Amino acid sequence: MKKSRLYLHELLEDPVVSYPAWYLLSPRLHRNENLHETLRAIHSLNFTSYRHPENPEEIFAAFRAGGFPIYFERYAAGYFGGKVMVLESGGWKSMPVNEESFGMQNWLI
């Protein structure tokens, strides 16, 4: 499957956070409006419609509902193939499991 770049300027005219300038995505995710909304929030630093989850189950409920929780106010997170992944410029990368990944204060849903 050929992946394409989703450029930040396609989502926001004047992003507060301009890095990365693009994300490499599959065609399905390139068209995913939930992912677009998450990326807009990250790059505009507008998290008013997000909250910190009470427990990990809320994060996985967001994944099941087709959402993309935000990790560290920097990364859109997805759940693919039984793994939590974070979106970087070059595509989805497996998220390292460490103490910080269990801190609910580091997540927004």
PDB file of N, CA and C in Angstrom:
ATOM      1  N   MET A   1       0.842  -1.168   0.000  1.00  0.00           N
ATOM      2  CA  MET A   1       0.000   0.000   0.000  1.00  0.00           C
ATOM      3  C   MET A   1       0.895   1.241   0.000  1.00  0.00           C
ATOM      4  N   LYS A   2       0.634   2.117  -0.924  1.00  0.00           N
ATOM      5  CA  LYS A   2       1.423   3.337  -1.040  1.00  0.00           C
ATOM      6  C   LYS A   2       0.980   4.347   0.020  1.00  0.00           C
ATOM      7  N   LYS A   3       1.937   4.916   0.706  1.00  0.00           N
ATOM      8  CA  LYS A   3       1.650   5.928   1.721  1.00  0.00           C
ATOM      9  C   LYS A   3       1.894   7.299   1.118  1.00  0.00           C
ATOM     10  N   SER A   4       1.212   8.285   1.678  1.00  0.00           N
ATOM     11  CA  SER A   4       1.379   9.647   1.180  1.00  0.00           C
ATOM     12  C   SER A   4       1.560  10.600   2.356  1.00  0.00           C
ATOM     13  N   ARG A   5       2.057  11.756   2.038  1.00  0.00           N
ATOM     14  CA  ARG A   5       2.301  12.768   3.067  1.00  0.00           C
ATOM     15  C   ARG A   5       1.050  13.612   3.294  1.00  0.00           C
ATOM     16  N   LEU A   6       0.720  13.789   4.562  1.00  0.00           N
ATOM     17  CA  LEU A   6      -0.302  14.733   4.967  1.00  0.00           C
ATOM     18  C   LEU A   6       0.456  15.937   5.501  1.00  0.00           C
ATOM     19  N   TYR A   7       0.405  17.034   4.750  1.00  0.00           N
ATOM     20  CA  TYR A   7       1.151  18.226   5.134  1.00  0.00           C
ATOM     21  C   TYR A   7       0.381  19.026   6.167  1.00  0.00           C
ATOM     22  N   LEU A   8       1.100  19.548   7.129  1.00  0.00           N
ATOM     23  CA  LEU A   8       0.510  20.338   8.202  1.00  0.00           C
ATOM     24  C   LEU A   8      -0.274  21.527   7.652  1.00  0.00           C
ATOM     25  N   HIS A   9       0.203  22.158   6.595  1.00  0.00           N
ATOM     26  CA  HIS A   9      -0.500  23.315   6.036  1.00  0.00           C
ATOM     27  C   HIS A   9      -1.862  22.924   5.450  1.00  0.00           C
ATOM     28  N   GLU A  10      -2.109  21.627   5.221  1.00  0.00           N
ATOM     29  CA  GLU A  10      -3.421  21.164   4.776  1.00  0.00           C
ATOM     30  C   GLU A  10      -4.419  21.179   5.924  1.00  0.00           C
ATOM     31  N   LEU A  11      -3.924  21.143   7.160  1.00  0.00           N
ATOM     32  CA  LEU A  11      -4.778  21.089   8.346  1.00  0.00           C
ATOM     33  C   LEU A  11      -4.946  22.444   9.024  1.00  0.00           C
ATOM     34  N   LEU A  12      -3.891  23.242   9.033  1.00  0.00           N
ATOM     35  CA  LEU A  12      -3.893  24.534   9.739  1.00  0.00           C
ATOM     36  C   LEU A  12      -3.169  25.587   8.917  1.00  0.00           C
ATOM     37  N   GLU A  13      -3.711  26.791   8.925  1.00  0.00           N
ATOM     38  CA  GLU A  13      -3.049  27.887   8.217  1.00  0.00           C
ATOM     39  C   GLU A  13      -1.802  28.374   8.942  1.00  0.00           C
ATOM     40  N   ASP A  14      -1.919  28.536  10.248  1.00  0.00           N
ATOM     41  CA  ASP A  14      -0.823  29.111  11.024  1.00  0.00           C
ATOM     42  C   ASP A  14      -0.604  28.288  12.300  1.00  0.00           C
ATOM     43  N   PRO A  15       0.049  27.132  12.184  1.00  0.00           N
ATOM     44  CA  PRO A  15       0.228  26.278  13.364  1.00  0.00           C
ATOM     45  C   PRO A  15       1.159  26.911  14.391  1.00  0.00           C
ATOM     46  N   VAL A  16       0.857  26.679  15.658  1.00  0.00           N
ATOM     47  CA  VAL A  16       1.723  27.124  16.742  1.00  0.00           C
ATOM     48  C   VAL A  16       2.969  26.245  16.777  1.00  0.00           C
ATOM     49  N   VAL A  17       2.776  24.957  16.574  1.00  0.00           N
ATOM     50  CA  VAL A  17       3.871  23.988  16.514  1.00  0.00           C
ATOM     51  C   VAL A  17       3.985  23.546  15.062  1.00  0.00           C
ATOM     52  N   SER A  18       5.060  23.912  14.407  1.00  0.00           N
ATOM     53  CA  SER A  18       5.176  23.641  12.973  1.00  0.00           C
ATOM     54  C   SER A  18       6.011  22.416  12.636  1.00  0.00           C
ATOM     55  N   TYR A  19       6.489  21.717  13.652  1.00  0.00           N
ATOM     56  CA  TYR A  19       7.255  20.495  13.402  1.00  0.00           C
ATOM     57  C   TYR A  19       6.486  19.307  13.924  1.00  0.00           C
ATOM     58  N   PRO A  20       6.403  18.242  13.213  1.00  0.00           N
ATOM     59  CA  PRO A  20       6.877  18.050  11.855  1.00  0.00           C
ATOM     60  C   PRO A  20       5.955  18.721  10.844  1.00  0.00           C
ATOM     61  N   ALA A  21       6.478  19.007   9.686  1.00  0.00           N
ATOM     62  CA  ALA A  21       5.718  19.696   8.635  1.00  0.00           C
ATOM     63  C   ALA A  21       4.784  18.749   7.896  1.00  0.00           C
ATOM     64  N   TRP A  22       5.001  17.438   8.038  1.00  0.00           N
ATOM     65  CA  TRP A  22       4.157  16.455   7.366  1.00  0.00           C
ATOM     66  C   TRP A  22       4.216  15.123   8.102  1.00  0.00           C
ATOM     67  N   TYR A  23       3.221  14.279   7.817  1.00  0.00           N
ATOM     68  CA  TYR A  23       3.146  12.925   8.371  1.00  0.00           C
ATOM     69  C   TYR A  23       2.947  11.951   7.220  1.00  0.00           C
ATOM     70  N   LEU A  24       3.627  10.840   7.263  1.00  0.00           N
ATOM     71  CA  LEU A  24       3.490   9.797   6.258  1.00  0.00           C
ATOM     72  C   LEU A  24       2.394   8.836   6.721  1.00  0.00           C
ATOM     73  N   LEU A  25       1.314   8.734   5.919  1.00  0.00           N
ATOM     74  CA  LEU A  25       0.133   7.966   6.316  1.00  0.00           C
ATOM     75  C   LEU A  25      -0.381   7.084   5.193  1.00  0.00           C
ATOM     76  N   SER A  26      -1.083   6.040   5.581  1.00  0.00           N
ATOM     77  CA  SER A  26      -1.787   5.204   4.608  1.00  0.00           C
ATOM     78  C   SER A  26      -2.944   6.022   4.033  1.00  0.00           C
ATOM     79  N   PRO A  27      -3.462   5.634   2.877  1.00  0.00           N
ATOM     80  CA  PRO A  27      -4.598   6.375   2.301  1.00  0.00           C
ATOM     81  C   PRO A  27      -5.792   6.469   3.251  1.00  0.00           C
ATOM     82  N   ARG A  28      -6.095   5.379   3.974  1.00  0.00           N
ATOM     83  CA  ARG A  28      -7.234   5.387   4.899  1.00  0.00           C
ATOM     84  C   ARG A  28      -7.031   6.404   6.015  1.00  0.00           C
ATOM     85  N   LEU A  29      -5.838   6.421   6.609  1.00  0.00           N
ATOM     86  CA  LEU A  29      -5.586   7.370   7.693  1.00  0.00           C
ATOM     87  C   LEU A  29      -5.389   8.787   7.170  1.00  0.00           C
ATOM     88  N   HIS A  30      -4.949   8.917   5.939  1.00  0.00           N
ATOM     89  CA  HIS A  30      -4.802  10.239   5.324  1.00  0.00           C
ATOM     90  C   HIS A  30      -6.157  10.944   5.244  1.00  0.00           C
ATOM     91  N   ARG A  31      -7.234  10.172   5.135  1.00  0.00           N
ATOM     92  CA  ARG A  31      -8.592  10.726   5.039  1.00  0.00           C
ATOM     93  C   ARG A  31      -9.345  10.727   6.374  1.00  0.00           C
ATOM     94  N   ASN A  32      -8.737  10.233   7.439  1.00  0.00           N
ATOM     95  CA  ASN A  32      -9.416  10.055   8.717  1.00  0.00           C
ATOM     96  C   ASN A  32      -9.586  11.383   9.452  1.00  0.00           C
ATOM     97  N   GLU A  33     -10.827  11.826   9.570  1.00  0.00           N
ATOM     98  CA  GLU A  33     -11.107  13.123  10.188  1.00  0.00           C
ATOM     99  C   GLU A  33     -10.788  13.130  11.686  1.00  0.00           C
ATOM    100  N   ASN A  34     -10.948  11.998  12.371  1.00  0.00           N
ATOM    101  CA  ASN A  34     -10.577  11.946  13.792  1.00  0.00           C
ATOM    102  C   ASN A  34      -9.089  12.205  13.974  1.00  0.00           C
ATOM    103  N   LEU A  35      -8.279  11.632  13.105  1.00  0.00           N
ATOM    104  CA  LEU A  35      -6.835  11.875  13.173  1.00  0.00           C
ATOM    105  C   LEU A  35      -6.525  13.329  12.844  1.00  0.00           C
ATOM    106  N   HIS A  36      -7.213  13.882  11.853  1.00  0.00           N
ATOM    107  CA  HIS A  36      -7.007  15.295  11.498  1.00  0.00           C
ATOM    108  C   HIS A  36      -7.293  16.195  12.696  1.00  0.00           C
ATOM    109  N   GLU A  37      -8.398  15.923  13.394  1.00  0.00           N
ATOM    110  CA  GLU A  37      -8.750  16.746  14.560  1.00  0.00           C
ATOM    111  C   GLU A  37      -7.688  16.644  15.654  1.00  0.00           C
ATOM    112  N   THR A  38      -7.170  15.450  15.870  1.00  0.00           N
ATOM    113  CA  THR A  38      -6.114  15.261  16.867  1.00  0.00           C
ATOM    114  C   THR A  38      -4.867  16.039  16.480  1.00  0.00           C
ATOM    115  N   LEU A  39      -4.484  15.962  15.219  1.00  0.00           N
ATOM    116  CA  LEU A  39      -3.294  16.692  14.769  1.00  0.00           C
ATOM    117  C   LEU A  39      -3.504  18.201  14.837  1.00  0.00           C
ATOM    118  N   ARG A  40      -4.707  18.661  14.546  1.00  0.00           N
ATOM    119  CA  ARG A  40      -4.990  20.104  14.691  1.00  0.00           C
ATOM    120  C   ARG A  40      -4.812  20.539  16.142  1.00  0.00           C
ATOM    121  N   ALA A  41      -5.310  19.733  17.080  1.00  0.00           N
ATOM    122  CA  ALA A  41      -5.174  20.069  18.503  1.00  0.00           C
ATOM    123  C   ALA A  41      -3.702  20.137  18.903  1.00  0.00           C
ATOM    124  N   ILE A  42      -2.929  19.158  18.467  1.00  0.00           N
ATOM    125  CA  ILE A  42      -1.501  19.116  18.817  1.00  0.00           C
ATOM    126  C   ILE A  42      -0.767  20.326  18.252  1.00  0.00           C
ATOM    127  N   HIS A  43      -1.034  20.654  17.004  1.00  0.00           N
ATOM    128  CA  HIS A  43      -0.261  21.725  16.354  1.00  0.00           C
ATOM    129  C   HIS A  43      -0.793  23.126  16.647  1.00  0.00           C
ATOM    130  N   SER A  44      -1.989  23.220  17.208  1.00  0.00           N
ATOM    131  CA  SER A  44      -2.495  24.522  17.635  1.00  0.00           C
ATOM    132  C   SER A  44      -2.382  24.694  19.151  1.00  0.00           C
ATOM    133  N   LEU A  45      -1.995  23.605  19.836  1.00  0.00           N
ATOM    134  CA  LEU A  45      -1.938  23.569  21.306  1.00  0.00           C
ATOM    135  C   LEU A  45      -3.284  23.917  21.926  1.00  0.00           C
ATOM    136  N   ASN A  46      -4.355  23.523  21.249  1.00  0.00           N
ATOM    137  CA  ASN A  46      -5.706  23.760  21.737  1.00  0.00           C
ATOM    138  C   ASN A  46      -6.283  22.434  22.223  1.00  0.00           C
ATOM    139  N   PHE A  47      -6.212  22.220  23.531  1.00  0.00           N
ATOM    140  CA  PHE A  47      -6.665  20.967  24.122  1.00  0.00           C
ATOM    141  C   PHE A  47      -7.946  21.150  24.937  1.00  0.00           C
ATOM    142  N   THR A  48      -8.718  22.176  24.627  1.00  0.00           N
ATOM    143  CA  THR A  48      -9.904  22.475  25.427  1.00  0.00           C
ATOM    144  C   THR A  48     -10.952  21.368  25.377  1.00  0.00           C
ATOM    145  N   SER A  49     -11.010  20.601  24.311  1.00  0.00           N
ATOM    146  CA  SER A  49     -12.003  19.527  24.237  1.00  0.00           C
ATOM    147  C   SER A  49     -11.428  18.188  24.705  1.00  0.00           C
ATOM    148  N   TYR A  50     -10.250  18.206  25.302  1.00  0.00           N
ATOM    149  CA  TYR A  50      -9.600  16.996  25.803  1.00  0.00           C
ATOM    150  C   TYR A  50      -9.531  17.046  27.323  1.00  0.00           C
ATOM    151  N   ARG A  51      -9.348  15.876  27.913  1.00  0.00           N
ATOM    152  CA  ARG A  51      -9.176  15.779  29.369  1.00  0.00           C
ATOM    153  C   ARG A  51      -8.215  14.640  29.666  1.00  0.00           C
ATOM    154  N   HIS A  52      -7.680  14.627  30.867  1.00  0.00           N
ATOM    155  CA  HIS A  52      -6.820  13.526  31.294  1.00  0.00           C
ATOM    156  C   HIS A  52      -7.712  12.348  31.666  1.00  0.00           C
ATOM    157  N   PRO A  53      -7.374  11.155  31.231  1.00  0.00           N
ATOM    158  CA  PRO A  53      -8.181   9.990  31.593  1.00  0.00           C
ATOM    159  C   PRO A  53      -7.998   9.635  33.061  1.00  0.00           C
ATOM    160  N   GLU A  54      -8.992   8.949  33.594  1.00  0.00           N
ATOM    161  CA  GLU A  54      -8.922   8.486  34.989  1.00  0.00           C
ATOM    162  C   GLU A  54      -8.094   7.211  35.097  1.00  0.00           C
ATOM    163  N   ASN A  55      -8.136   6.375  34.043  1.00  0.00           N
ATOM    164  CA  ASN A  55      -7.445   5.087  34.080  1.00  0.00           C
ATOM    165  C   ASN A  55      -7.142   4.638  32.647  1.00  0.00           C
ATOM    166  N   PRO A  56      -6.284   3.629  32.503  1.00  0.00           N
ATOM    167  CA  PRO A  56      -5.923   3.168  31.152  1.00  0.00           C
ATOM    168  C   PRO A  56      -7.113   2.676  30.325  1.00  0.00           C
ATOM    169  N   GLU A  57      -8.142   2.147  30.966  1.00  0.00           N
ATOM    170  CA  GLU A  57      -9.302   1.659  30.218  1.00  0.00           C
ATOM    171  C   GLU A  57      -9.936   2.778  29.383  1.00  0.00           C
ATOM    172  N   GLU A  58      -9.909   3.996  29.878  1.00  0.00           N
ATOM    173  CA  GLU A  58     -10.461   5.116  29.106  1.00  0.00           C
ATOM    174  C   GLU A  58      -9.656   5.368  27.835  1.00  0.00           C
ATOM    175  N   ILE A  59      -8.363   5.161  27.909  1.00  0.00           N
ATOM    176  CA  ILE A  59      -7.514   5.328  26.722  1.00  0.00           C
ATOM    177  C   ILE A  59      -7.894   4.276  25.682  1.00  0.00           C
ATOM    178  N   PHE A  60      -8.027   3.019  26.129  1.00  0.00           N
ATOM    179  CA  PHE A  60      -8.372   1.953  25.193  1.00  0.00           C
ATOM    180  C   PHE A  60      -9.801   2.082  24.686  1.00  0.00           C
ATOM    181  N   ALA A  61     -10.692   2.654  25.473  1.00  0.00           N
ATOM    182  CA  ALA A  61     -12.057   2.930  24.996  1.00  0.00           C
ATOM    183  C   ALA A  61     -12.012   3.964  23.879  1.00  0.00           C
ATOM    184  N   ALA A  62     -11.137   4.944  24.014  1.00  0.00           N
ATOM    185  CA  ALA A  62     -10.979   5.953  22.951  1.00  0.00           C
ATOM    186  C   ALA A  62     -10.440   5.298  21.676  1.00  0.00           C
ATOM    187  N   PHE A  63      -9.479   4.396  21.811  1.00  0.00           N
ATOM    188  CA  PHE A  63      -8.973   3.659  20.639  1.00  0.00           C
ATOM    189  C   PHE A  63     -10.109   2.885  19.969  1.00  0.00           C
ATOM    190  N   ARG A  64     -10.887   2.156  20.761  1.00  0.00           N
ATOM    191  CA  ARG A  64     -11.981   1.344  20.211  1.00  0.00           C
ATOM    192  C   ARG A  64     -13.035   2.196  19.521  1.00  0.00           C
ATOM    193  N   ALA A  65     -13.212   3.419  19.988  1.00  0.00           N
ATOM    194  CA  ALA A  65     -14.205   4.329  19.406  1.00  0.00           C
ATOM    195  C   ALA A  65     -13.679   5.028  18.150  1.00  0.00           C
ATOM    196  N   GLY A  66     -12.451   4.707  17.748  1.00  0.00           N
ATOM    197  CA  GLY A  66     -11.879   5.317  16.547  1.00  0.00           C
ATOM    198  C   GLY A  66     -11.127   6.603  16.801  1.00  0.00           C
ATOM    199  N   GLY A  67     -10.883   6.898  18.076  1.00  0.00           N
ATOM    200  CA  GLY A  67     -10.165   8.121  18.420  1.00  0.00           C
ATOM    201  C   GLY A  67      -8.660   7.920  18.454  1.00  0.00           C
ATOM    202  N   PHE A  68      -7.971   9.020  18.577  1.00  0.00           N
ATOM    203  CA  PHE A  68      -6.518   9.027  18.655  1.00  0.00           C
ATOM    204  C   PHE A  68      -6.127   9.844  19.879  1.00  0.00           C
ATOM    205  N   PRO A  69      -5.971   9.198  21.035  1.00  0.00           N
ATOM    206  CA  PRO A  69      -5.540   9.929  22.233  1.00  0.00           C
ATOM    207  C   PRO A  69      -4.211  10.644  21.977  1.00  0.00           C
ATOM    208  N   ILE A  70      -3.963  11.634  22.785  1.00  0.00           N
ATOM    209  CA  ILE A  70      -2.733  12.422  22.655  1.00  0.00           C
ATOM    210  C   ILE A  70      -1.797  12.054  23.796  1.00  0.00           C
ATOM    211  N   TYR A  71      -0.555  11.783  23.452  1.00  0.00           N
ATOM    212  CA  TYR A  71       0.458  11.426  24.432  1.00  0.00           C
ATOM    213  C   TYR A  71       1.455  12.575  24.543  1.00  0.00           C
ATOM    214  N   PHE A  72       1.676  13.043  25.755  1.00  0.00           N
ATOM    215  CA  PHE A  72       2.617  14.129  26.058  1.00  0.00           C
ATOM    216  C   PHE A  72       2.332  15.403  25.272  1.00  0.00           C
ATOM    217  N   GLU A  73       1.095  15.642  24.902  1.00  0.00           N
ATOM    218  CA  GLU A  73       0.692  16.829  24.137  1.00  0.00           C
ATOM    219  C   GLU A  73       1.516  16.995  22.864  1.00  0.00           C
ATOM    220  N   ARG A  74       2.126  15.902  22.384  1.00  0.00           N
ATOM    221  CA  ARG A  74       2.976  15.958  21.185  1.00  0.00           C
ATOM    222  C   ARG A  74       2.633  14.905  20.150  1.00  0.00           C
ATOM    223  N   TYR A  75       2.094  13.780  20.595  1.00  0.00           N
ATOM    224  CA  TYR A  75       1.919  12.651  19.691  1.00  0.00           C
ATOM    225  C   TYR A  75       0.471  12.181  19.629  1.00  0.00           C
ATOM    226  N   ALA A  76      -0.007  11.933  18.424  1.00  0.00           N
ATOM    227  CA  ALA A  76      -1.264  11.209  18.253  1.00  0.00           C
ATOM    228  C   ALA A  76      -0.928   9.747  18.484  1.00  0.00           C
ATOM    229  N   ALA A  77      -1.739   9.063  19.269  1.00  0.00           N
ATOM    230  CA  ALA A  77      -1.504   7.648  19.549  1.00  0.00           C
ATOM    231  C   ALA A  77      -2.596   6.822  18.895  1.00  0.00           C
ATOM    232  N   GLY A  78      -2.212   5.668  18.390  1.00  0.00           N
ATOM    233  CA  GLY A  78      -3.153   4.733  17.788  1.00  0.00           C
ATOM    234  C   GLY A  78      -2.894   3.347  18.316  1.00  0.00           C
ATOM    235  N   TYR A  79      -3.838   2.459  18.073  1.00  0.00           N
ATOM    236  CA  TYR A  79      -3.703   1.074  18.530  1.00  0.00           C
ATOM    237  C   TYR A  79      -3.845   0.183  17.311  1.00  0.00           C
ATOM    238  N   PHE A  80      -2.740  -0.403  16.869  1.00  0.00           N
ATOM    239  CA  PHE A  80      -2.710  -1.204  15.654  1.00  0.00           C
ATOM    240  C   PHE A  80      -1.989  -2.519  15.927  1.00  0.00           C
ATOM    241  N   GLY A  81      -2.580  -3.610  15.516  1.00  0.00           N
ATOM    242  CA  GLY A  81      -1.937  -4.912  15.662  1.00  0.00           C
ATOM    243  C   GLY A  81      -1.589  -5.265  17.088  1.00  0.00           C
ATOM    244  N   GLY A  82      -2.414  -4.837  18.039  1.00  0.00           N
ATOM    245  CA  GLY A  82      -2.149  -5.137  19.442  1.00  0.00           C
ATOM    246  C   GLY A  82      -1.056  -4.305  20.071  1.00  0.00           C
ATOM    247  N   LYS A  83      -0.638  -3.230  19.396  1.00  0.00           N
ATOM    248  CA  LYS A  83       0.419  -2.361  19.928  1.00  0.00           C
ATOM    249  C   LYS A  83      -0.053  -0.920  19.947  1.00  0.00           C
ATOM    250  N   VAL A  84       0.345  -0.197  20.987  1.00  0.00           N
ATOM    251  CA  VAL A  84       0.118   1.238  21.027  1.00  0.00           C
ATOM    252  C   VAL A  84       1.244   1.873  20.225  1.00  0.00           C
ATOM    253  N   MET A  85       0.851   2.706  19.272  1.00  0.00           N
ATOM    254  CA  MET A  85       1.816   3.347  18.381  1.00  0.00           C
ATOM    255  C   MET A  85       1.664   4.862  18.495  1.00  0.00           C
ATOM    256  N   VAL A  86       2.738   5.592  18.264  1.00  0.00           N
ATOM    257  CA  VAL A  86       2.684   7.051  18.212  1.00  0.00           C
ATOM    258  C   VAL A  86       3.059   7.495  16.807  1.00  0.00           C
ATOM    259  N   LEU A  87       2.421   8.560  16.362  1.00  0.00           N
ATOM    260  CA  LEU A  87       2.653   9.066  15.015  1.00  0.00           C
ATOM    261  C   LEU A  87       3.805  10.054  15.017  1.00  0.00           C
ATOM    262  N   GLU A  88       4.815   9.720  14.223  1.00  0.00           N
ATOM    263  CA  GLU A  88       5.936  10.619  13.982  1.00  0.00           C
ATOM    264  C   GLU A  88       5.907  10.988  12.509  1.00  0.00           C
ATOM    265  N   SER A  89       6.750  11.874  12.096  1.00  0.00           N
ATOM    266  CA  SER A  89       6.751  12.340  10.716  1.00  0.00           C
ATOM    267  C   SER A  89       6.826  11.194   9.710  1.00  0.00           C
ATOM    268  N   GLY A  90       7.664  10.208   9.961  1.00  0.00           N
ATOM    269  CA  GLY A  90       7.856   9.101   9.033  1.00  0.00           C
ATOM    270  C   GLY A  90       6.825   8.006   9.130  1.00  0.00           C
ATOM    271  N   GLY A  91       5.846   8.152  10.015  1.00  0.00           N
ATOM    272  CA  GLY A  91       4.799   7.146  10.162  1.00  0.00           C
ATOM    273  C   GLY A  91       4.642   6.714  11.605  1.00  0.00           C
ATOM    274  N   TRP A  92       3.909   5.623  11.792  1.00  0.00           N
ATOM    275  CA  TRP A  92       3.600   5.104  13.124  1.00  0.00           C
ATOM    276  C   TRP A  92       4.784   4.316  13.664  1.00  0.00           C
ATOM    277  N   LYS A  93       5.149   4.587  14.910  1.00  0.00           N
ATOM    278  CA  LYS A  93       6.249   3.898  15.586  1.00  0.00           C
ATOM    279  C   LYS A  93       5.720   3.294  16.879  1.00  0.00           C
ATOM    280  N   SER A  94       6.201   2.108  17.207  1.00  0.00           N
ATOM    281  CA  SER A  94       5.802   1.454  18.449  1.00  0.00           C
ATOM    282  C   SER A  94       6.208   2.326  19.632  1.00  0.00           C
ATOM    283  N   MET A  95       5.305   2.506  20.558  1.00  0.00           N
ATOM    284  CA  MET A  95       5.578   3.352  21.718  1.00  0.00           C
ATOM    285  C   MET A  95       6.357   2.555  22.754  1.00  0.00           C
ATOM    286  N   PRO A  96       7.452   3.099  23.246  1.00  0.00           N
ATOM    287  CA  PRO A  96       8.192   2.381  24.285  1.00  0.00           C
ATOM    288  C   PRO A  96       7.374   2.340  25.576  1.00  0.00           C
ATOM    289  N   VAL A  97       7.420   1.221  26.239  1.00  0.00           N
ATOM    290  CA  VAL A  97       6.707   1.087  27.508  1.00  0.00           C
ATOM    291  C   VAL A  97       7.689   1.438  28.620  1.00  0.00           C
ATOM    292  N   ASN A  98       7.350   2.500  29.325  1.00  0.00           N
ATOM    293  CA  ASN A  98       8.168   2.926  30.451  1.00  0.00           C
ATOM    294  C   ASN A  98       7.243   3.510  31.509  1.00  0.00           C
ATOM    295  N   GLU A  99       7.791   3.940  32.580  1.00  0.00           N
ATOM    296  CA  GLU A  99       6.973   4.456  33.682  1.00  0.00           C
ATOM    297  C   GLU A  99       6.098   5.625  33.233  1.00  0.00           C
ATOM    298  N   GLU A 100       6.628   6.492  32.375  1.00  0.00           N
ATOM    299  CA  GLU A 100       5.867   7.649  31.910  1.00  0.00           C
ATOM    300  C   GLU A 100       4.623   7.249  31.120  1.00  0.00           C
ATOM    301  N   SER A 101       4.695   6.113  30.427  1.00  0.00           N
ATOM    302  CA  SER A 101       3.554   5.702  29.617  1.00  0.00           C
ATOM    303  C   SER A 101       2.360   5.291  30.472  1.00  0.00           C
ATOM    304  N   PHE A 102       2.573   5.044  31.751  1.00  0.00           N
ATOM    305  CA  PHE A 102       1.474   4.667  32.639  1.00  0.00           C
ATOM    306  C   PHE A 102       0.917   5.863  33.413  1.00  0.00           C
ATOM    307  N   GLY A 103       1.521   7.029  33.277  1.00  0.00           N
ATOM    308  CA  GLY A 103       1.049   8.216  33.993  1.00  0.00           C
ATOM    309  C   GLY A 103      -0.125   8.849  33.269  1.00  0.00           C
ATOM    310  N   MET A 104      -1.298   8.842  33.880  1.00  0.00           N
ATOM    311  CA  MET A 104      -2.500   9.383  33.226  1.00  0.00           C
ATOM    312  C   MET A 104      -2.367  10.863  32.931  1.00  0.00           C
ATOM    313  N   GLN A 105      -1.498  11.570  33.656  1.00  0.00           N
ATOM    314  CA  GLN A 105      -1.284  12.989  33.405  1.00  0.00           C
ATOM    315  C   GLN A 105      -0.579  13.215  32.065  1.00  0.00           C
ATOM    316  N   ASN A 106      -0.012  12.176  31.489  1.00  0.00           N
ATOM    317  CA  ASN A 106       0.693  12.294  30.200  1.00  0.00           C
ATOM    318  C   ASN A 106      -0.216  12.035  29.005  1.00  0.00           C
ATOM    319  N   TRP A 107      -1.482  11.738  29.259  1.00  0.00           N
ATOM    320  CA  TRP A 107      -2.435  11.402  28.196  1.00  0.00           C
ATOM    321  C   TRP A 107      -3.578  12.410  28.168  1.00  0.00           C
ATOM    322  N   LEU A 108      -4.116  12.634  26.978  1.00  0.00           N
ATOM    323  CA  LEU A 108      -5.332  13.426  26.802  1.00  0.00           C
ATOM    324  C   LEU A 108      -6.277  12.606  25.921  1.00  0.00           C
ATOM    325  N   ILE A 109      -7.541  12.578  26.300  1.00  0.00           N
ATOM    326  CA  ILE A 109      -8.530  11.872  25.492  1.00  0.00           C
ATOM    327  C   ILE A 109      -9.700  12.798  25.203  1.00  0.00           C
TER     328      ILE A 109
END
